[in-house]
Amino acid sequence: MPKVIDVYVKKREVLTKPSCVGQPLGEYYSIYKETYKSEKIMSEEEMSAIRIAQKISDEEGLKLRLHDISTFMGMIHARLRGIKKTPTIVVDKTRLERVPSEEELLSMLK
């Protein structure tokens, strides 16, 4: 029986609101630049994959590893494993490139 469930997801950066950046020089800003604040979010599909994998790993006593392919290390790890789509769940050498049902994930463990 496998000991690890790997889940590959990708956080996406979304712009939230404009802001201004500048260096104060007395009462004025010497350098003024408009920028945008952003947040990294995951899709509902990816969150669902994580919840299902977490539930099964807790029930079966398995380790859950989450890989965010929007980070450098996550991207390298995914490329080495041939992961091109998210969410992807890997158990041993079995790969599922979508959100599985609990029954599908349990059958991958056998």
Foldseek 3Di string as FASTA:
>chain_A
DFQEKEWEFAWDKDFDAKDWDFDDDPPDGPDIDIDTDIDTHTDPFSVLLVVLVVVVCVVVVHHYHYAHCNDPVSVVVCVVLVHDAPGWMDTPNDIDHGRDDNVVVVVNND
